[in-house]
Amino acid sequence: MNNKLLGIVLIVVGMALALWGYNVFDSAGAQFSRALNGDTPIEAWLGMVGGVICIAVGLGKIR
């Protein structure tokens, strides 16, 4: 039961982290930066990739 609870928490945290990363990626400052020099903020990548990793680990804990 403890692993399932940890898995659910990881999925929820991962979803929030991925959403935060996407919001950073889609922000006006990030769009302006991408238009000028093509760089994406590292916070966006860390949020989206970290969120997907948390979701994958959480799904593994549930099963």
PDB file of N, CA and C in Angstrom:
ATOM      1  N   MET A   1       0.829  -1.197   0.000  1.00  0.00           N
ATOM      2  CA  MET A   1       0.000   0.000   0.000  1.00  0.00           C
ATOM      3  C   MET A   1       0.867   1.252   0.000  1.00  0.00           C
ATOM      4  N   ASN A   2       1.992   1.207   0.676  1.00  0.00           N
ATOM      5  CA  ASN A   2       2.869   2.356   0.769  1.00  0.00           C
ATOM      6  C   ASN A   2       3.445   2.742  -0.591  1.00  0.00           C
ATOM      7  N   ASN A   3       3.795   1.733  -1.419  1.00  0.00           N
ATOM      8  CA  ASN A   3       4.326   2.001  -2.754  1.00  0.00           C
ATOM      9  C   ASN A   3       3.274   2.639  -3.646  1.00  0.00           C
ATOM     10  N   LYS A   4       2.019   2.228  -3.504  1.00  0.00           N
ATOM     11  CA  LYS A   4       0.953   2.817  -4.318  1.00  0.00           C
ATOM     12  C   LYS A   4       0.737   4.281  -3.959  1.00  0.00           C
ATOM     13  N   LEU A   5       0.792   4.596  -2.683  1.00  0.00           N
ATOM     14  CA  LEU A   5       0.639   5.981  -2.253  1.00  0.00           C
ATOM     15  C   LEU A   5       1.795   6.829  -2.775  1.00  0.00           C
ATOM     16  N   LEU A   6       2.997   6.318  -2.697  1.00  0.00           N
ATOM     17  CA  LEU A   6       4.165   7.024  -3.226  1.00  0.00           C
ATOM     18  C   LEU A   6       4.036   7.211  -4.739  1.00  0.00           C
ATOM     19  N   GLY A   7       3.533   6.204  -5.421  1.00  0.00           N
ATOM     20  CA  GLY A   7       3.333   6.301  -6.863  1.00  0.00           C
ATOM     21  C   GLY A   7       2.333   7.377  -7.225  1.00  0.00           C
ATOM     22  N   ILE A   8       1.248   7.459  -6.487  1.00  0.00           N
ATOM     23  CA  ILE A   8       0.232   8.478  -6.753  1.00  0.00           C
ATOM     24  C   ILE A   8       0.795   9.869  -6.496  1.00  0.00           C
ATOM     25  N   VAL A   9       1.553  10.013  -5.422  1.00  0.00           N
ATOM     26  CA  VAL A   9       2.172  11.310  -5.126  1.00  0.00           C
ATOM     27  C   VAL A   9       3.141  11.697  -6.229  1.00  0.00           C
ATOM     28  N   LEU A  10       3.944  10.752  -6.706  1.00  0.00           N
ATOM     29  CA  LEU A  10       4.892  11.046  -7.779  1.00  0.00           C
ATOM     30  C   LEU A  10       4.180  11.438  -9.070  1.00  0.00           C
ATOM     31  N   ILE A  11       3.063  10.810  -9.369  1.00  0.00           N
ATOM     32  CA  ILE A  11       2.311  11.159 -10.565  1.00  0.00           C
ATOM     33  C   ILE A  11       1.755  12.575 -10.454  1.00  0.00           C
ATOM     34  N   VAL A  12       1.202  12.916  -9.309  1.00  0.00           N
ATOM     35  CA  VAL A  12       0.638  14.255  -9.120  1.00  0.00           C
ATOM     36  C   VAL A  12       1.743  15.313  -9.182  1.00  0.00           C
ATOM     37  N   VAL A  13       2.856  15.054  -8.515  1.00  0.00           N
ATOM     38  CA  VAL A  13       3.978  15.996  -8.546  1.00  0.00           C
ATOM     39  C   VAL A  13       4.538  16.108  -9.965  1.00  0.00           C
ATOM     40  N   GLY A  14       4.637  14.994 -10.660  1.00  0.00           N
ATOM     41  CA  GLY A  14       5.133  15.009 -12.028  1.00  0.00           C
ATOM     42  C   GLY A  14       4.245  15.796 -12.961  1.00  0.00           C
ATOM     43  N   MET A  15       2.936  15.653 -12.796  1.00  0.00           N
ATOM     44  CA  MET A  15       2.004  16.414 -13.630  1.00  0.00           C
ATOM     45  C   MET A  15       2.139  17.914 -13.356  1.00  0.00           C
ATOM     46  N   ALA A  16       2.270  18.285 -12.090  1.00  0.00           N
ATOM     47  CA  ALA A  16       2.428  19.696 -11.741  1.00  0.00           C
ATOM     48  C   ALA A  16       3.750  20.238 -12.279  1.00  0.00           C
ATOM     49  N   LEU A  17       4.807  19.454 -12.180  1.00  0.00           N
ATOM     50  CA  LEU A  17       6.120  19.869 -12.663  1.00  0.00           C
ATOM     51  C   LEU A  17       6.135  20.025 -14.177  1.00  0.00           C
ATOM     52  N   ALA A  18       5.513  19.092 -14.880  1.00  0.00           N
ATOM     53  CA  ALA A  18       5.446  19.186 -16.339  1.00  0.00           C
ATOM     54  C   ALA A  18       4.608  20.392 -16.768  1.00  0.00           C
ATOM     55  N   LEU A  19       3.528  20.656 -16.067  1.00  0.00           N
ATOM     56  CA  LEU A  19       2.690  21.809 -16.377  1.00  0.00           C
ATOM     57  C   LEU A  19       3.445  23.110 -16.123  1.00  0.00           C
ATOM     58  N   TRP A  20       4.188  23.169 -15.038  1.00  0.00           N
ATOM     59  CA  TRP A  20       4.991  24.350 -14.735  1.00  0.00           C
ATOM     60  C   TRP A  20       6.056  24.558 -15.820  1.00  0.00           C
ATOM     61  N   GLY A  21       6.711  23.484 -16.238  1.00  0.00           N
ATOM     62  CA  GLY A  21       7.708  23.587 -17.297  1.00  0.00           C
ATOM     63  C   GLY A  21       7.113  24.075 -18.598  1.00  0.00           C
ATOM     64  N   TYR A  22       5.925  23.595 -18.928  1.00  0.00           N
ATOM     65  CA  TYR A  22       5.250  24.053 -20.140  1.00  0.00           C
ATOM     66  C   TYR A  22       4.870  25.524 -20.030  1.00  0.00           C
ATOM     67  N   ASN A  23       4.420  25.949 -18.846  1.00  0.00           N
ATOM     68  CA  ASN A  23       4.071  27.361 -18.654  1.00  0.00           C
ATOM     69  C   ASN A  23       5.298  28.250 -18.811  1.00  0.00           C
ATOM     70  N   VAL A  24       6.445  27.809 -18.311  1.00  0.00           N
ATOM     71  CA  VAL A  24       7.685  28.565 -18.495  1.00  0.00           C
ATOM     72  C   VAL A  24       8.047  28.604 -19.974  1.00  0.00           C
ATOM     73  N   PHE A  25       7.904  27.464 -20.663  1.00  0.00           N
ATOM     74  CA  PHE A  25       8.217  27.376 -22.083  1.00  0.00           C
ATOM     75  C   PHE A  25       7.335  28.305 -22.909  1.00  0.00           C
ATOM     76  N   ASP A  26       6.078  28.452 -22.507  1.00  0.00           N
ATOM     77  CA  ASP A  26       5.098  29.225 -23.265  1.00  0.00           C
ATOM     78  C   ASP A  26       4.996  30.681 -22.808  1.00  0.00           C
ATOM     79  N   SER A  27       5.822  31.098 -21.862  1.00  0.00           N
ATOM     80  CA  SER A  27       5.737  32.461 -21.347  1.00  0.00           C
ATOM     81  C   SER A  27       6.220  33.468 -22.394  1.00  0.00           C
ATOM     82  N   ALA A  28       5.844  34.714 -22.191  1.00  0.00           N
ATOM     83  CA  ALA A  28       6.205  35.763 -23.153  1.00  0.00           C
ATOM     84  C   ALA A  28       7.710  35.963 -23.213  1.00  0.00           C
ATOM     85  N   GLY A  29       8.382  35.905 -22.065  1.00  0.00           N
ATOM     86  CA  GLY A  29       9.832  36.080 -22.045  1.00  0.00           C
ATOM     87  C   GLY A  29      10.556  34.970 -22.786  1.00  0.00           C
ATOM     88  N   ALA A  30      10.070  33.751 -22.624  1.00  0.00           N
ATOM     89  CA  ALA A  30      10.689  32.619 -23.308  1.00  0.00           C
ATOM     90  C   ALA A  30      10.434  32.696 -24.809  1.00  0.00           C
ATOM     91  N   GLN A  31       9.242  33.128 -25.207  1.00  0.00           N
ATOM     92  CA  GLN A  31       8.946  33.271 -26.632  1.00  0.00           C
ATOM     93  C   GLN A  31       9.814  34.357 -27.255  1.00  0.00           C
ATOM     94  N   PHE A  32      10.026  35.438 -26.544  1.00  0.00           N
ATOM     95  CA  PHE A  32      10.884  36.512 -27.028  1.00  0.00           C
ATOM     96  C   PHE A  32      12.325  36.025 -27.158  1.00  0.00           C
ATOM     97  N   SER A  33      12.788  35.286 -26.160  1.00  0.00           N
ATOM     98  CA  SER A  33      14.149  34.745 -26.199  1.00  0.00           C
ATOM     99  C   SER A  33      14.326  33.764 -27.350  1.00  0.00           C
ATOM    100  N   ARG A  34      13.328  32.905 -27.577  1.00  0.00           N
ATOM    101  CA  ARG A  34      13.400  31.958 -28.695  1.00  0.00           C
ATOM    102  C   ARG A  34      13.386  32.682 -30.032  1.00  0.00           C
ATOM    103  N   ALA A  35      12.649  33.773 -30.121  1.00  0.00           N
ATOM    104  CA  ALA A  35      12.579  34.527 -31.377  1.00  0.00           C
ATOM    105  C   ALA A  35      13.914  35.208 -31.685  1.00  0.00           C
ATOM    106  N   LEU A  36      14.591  35.681 -30.650  1.00  0.00           N
ATOM    107  CA  LEU A  36      15.844  36.392 -30.874  1.00  0.00           C
ATOM    108  C   LEU A  36      17.026  35.456 -31.110  1.00  0.00           C
ATOM    109  N   ASN A  37      17.191  34.461 -30.245  1.00  0.00           N
ATOM    110  CA  ASN A  37      18.387  33.622 -30.354  1.00  0.00           C
ATOM    111  C   ASN A  37      18.114  32.128 -30.363  1.00  0.00           C
ATOM    112  N   GLY A  38      16.877  31.724 -30.305  1.00  0.00           N
ATOM    113  CA  GLY A  38      16.544  30.308 -30.407  1.00  0.00           C
ATOM    114  C   GLY A  38      16.753  29.497 -29.137  1.00  0.00           C
ATOM    115  N   ASP A  39      17.064  30.164 -28.040  1.00  0.00           N
ATOM    116  CA  ASP A  39      17.305  29.449 -26.783  1.00  0.00           C
ATOM    117  C   ASP A  39      16.018  29.250 -26.001  1.00  0.00           C
ATOM    118  N   THR A  40      15.868  28.056 -25.447  1.00  0.00           N
ATOM    119  CA  THR A  40      14.751  27.747 -24.564  1.00  0.00           C
ATOM    120  C   THR A  40      15.277  27.768 -23.132  1.00  0.00           C
ATOM    121  N   PRO A  41      14.557  28.381 -22.196  1.00  0.00           N
ATOM    122  CA  PRO A  41      15.035  28.425 -20.808  1.00  0.00           C
ATOM    123  C   PRO A  41      15.229  27.011 -20.242  1.00  0.00           C
ATOM    124  N   ILE A  42      16.300  26.844 -19.495  1.00  0.00           N
ATOM    125  CA  ILE A  42      16.609  25.536 -18.915  1.00  0.00           C
ATOM    126  C   ILE A  42      15.528  25.114 -17.924  1.00  0.00           C
ATOM    127  N   GLU A  43      14.874  26.087 -17.292  1.00  0.00           N
ATOM    128  CA  GLU A  43      13.802  25.756 -16.348  1.00  0.00           C
ATOM    129  C   GLU A  43      12.657  25.037 -17.053  1.00  0.00           C
ATOM    130  N   ALA A  44      12.391  25.422 -18.286  1.00  0.00           N
ATOM    131  CA  ALA A  44      11.322  24.762 -19.044  1.00  0.00           C
ATOM    132  C   ALA A  44      11.679  23.311 -19.311  1.00  0.00           C
ATOM    133  N   TRP A  45      12.903  23.074 -19.750  1.00  0.00           N
ATOM    134  CA  TRP A  45      13.333  21.696 -20.022  1.00  0.00           C
ATOM    135  C   TRP A  45      13.360  20.862 -18.748  1.00  0.00           C
ATOM    136  N   LEU A  46      13.885  21.437 -17.674  1.00  0.00           N
ATOM    137  CA  LEU A  46      13.944  20.690 -16.414  1.00  0.00           C
ATOM    138  C   LEU A  46      12.547  20.348 -15.910  1.00  0.00           C
ATOM    139  N   GLY A  47      11.626  21.281 -16.023  1.00  0.00           N
ATOM    140  CA  GLY A  47      10.259  21.026 -15.566  1.00  0.00           C
ATOM    141  C   GLY A  47       9.572  19.951 -16.376  1.00  0.00           C
ATOM    142  N   MET A  48       9.660  20.051 -17.698  1.00  0.00           N
ATOM    143  CA  MET A  48       8.957  19.082 -18.544  1.00  0.00           C
ATOM    144  C   MET A  48       9.589  17.691 -18.463  1.00  0.00           C
ATOM    145  N   VAL A  49      10.905  17.628 -18.549  1.00  0.00           N
ATOM    146  CA  VAL A  49      11.580  16.324 -18.494  1.00  0.00           C
ATOM    147  C   VAL A  49      11.480  15.724 -17.098  1.00  0.00           C
ATOM    148  N   GLY A  50      11.664  16.549 -16.075  1.00  0.00           N
ATOM    149  CA  GLY A  50      11.535  16.062 -14.697  1.00  0.00           C
ATOM    150  C   GLY A  50      10.131  15.572 -14.394  1.00  0.00           C
ATOM    151  N   GLY A  51       9.140  16.264 -14.927  1.00  0.00           N
ATOM    152  CA  GLY A  51       7.756  15.837 -14.735  1.00  0.00           C
ATOM    153  C   GLY A  51       7.468  14.501 -15.387  1.00  0.00           C
ATOM    154  N   VAL A  52       7.972  14.317 -16.602  1.00  0.00           N
ATOM    155  CA  VAL A  52       7.763  13.034 -17.292  1.00  0.00           C
ATOM    156  C   VAL A  52       8.465  11.903 -16.548  1.00  0.00           C
ATOM    157  N   ILE A  53       9.650  12.165 -16.030  1.00  0.00           N
ATOM    158  CA  ILE A  53      10.375  11.135 -15.269  1.00  0.00           C
ATOM    159  C   ILE A  53       9.611  10.784 -13.991  1.00  0.00           C
ATOM    160  N   CYS A  54       9.097  11.802 -13.285  1.00  0.00           N
ATOM    161  CA  CYS A  54       8.313  11.526 -12.074  1.00  0.00           C
ATOM    162  C   CYS A  54       7.060  10.719 -12.389  1.00  0.00           C
ATOM    163  N   ILE A  55       6.402  11.054 -13.478  1.00  0.00           N
ATOM    164  CA  ILE A  55       5.200  10.303 -13.869  1.00  0.00           C
ATOM    165  C   ILE A  55       5.555   8.858 -14.190  1.00  0.00           C
ATOM    166  N   ALA A  56       6.649   8.645 -14.910  1.00  0.00           N
ATOM    167  CA  ALA A  56       7.056   7.275 -15.271  1.00  0.00           C
ATOM    168  C   ALA A  56       7.406   6.462 -14.035  1.00  0.00           C
ATOM    169  N   VAL A  57       8.125   7.067 -13.099  1.00  0.00           N
ATOM    170  CA  VAL A  57       8.468   6.352 -11.864  1.00  0.00           C
ATOM    171  C   VAL A  57       7.223   6.078 -11.041  1.00  0.00           C
ATOM    172  N   GLY A  58       6.311   7.048 -11.003  1.00  0.00           N
ATOM    173  CA  GLY A  58       5.056   6.861 -10.268  1.00  0.00           C
ATOM    174  C   GLY A  58       4.220   5.742 -10.847  1.00  0.00           C
ATOM    175  N   LEU A  59       4.150   5.653 -12.172  1.00  0.00           N
ATOM    176  CA  LEU A  59       3.414   4.555 -12.799  1.00  0.00           C
ATOM    177  C   LEU A  59       4.081   3.218 -12.510  1.00  0.00           C
ATOM    178  N   GLY A  60       5.391   3.213 -12.456  1.00  0.00           N
ATOM    179  CA  GLY A  60       6.111   1.983 -12.111  1.00  0.00           C
ATOM    180  C   GLY A  60       5.845   1.544 -10.678  1.00  0.00           C
ATOM    181  N   LYS A  61       5.701   2.507  -9.767  1.00  0.00           N
ATOM    182  CA  LYS A  61       5.417   2.174  -8.370  1.00  0.00           C
ATOM    183  C   LYS A  61       3.994   1.642  -8.187  1.00  0.00           C
ATOM    184  N   ILE A  62       3.059   2.132  -8.998  1.00  0.00           N
ATOM    185  CA  ILE A  62       1.678   1.680  -8.870  1.00  0.00           C
ATOM    186  C   ILE A  62       1.524   0.229  -9.286  1.00  0.00           C
ATOM    187  N   ARG A  63       2.208  -0.159 -10.341  1.00  0.00           N
ATOM    188  CA  ARG A  63       2.072  -1.527 -10.862  1.00  0.00           C
ATOM    189  C   ARG A  63       2.742  -2.508 -10.013  1.00  0.00           C
TER     190      ARG A  63
END
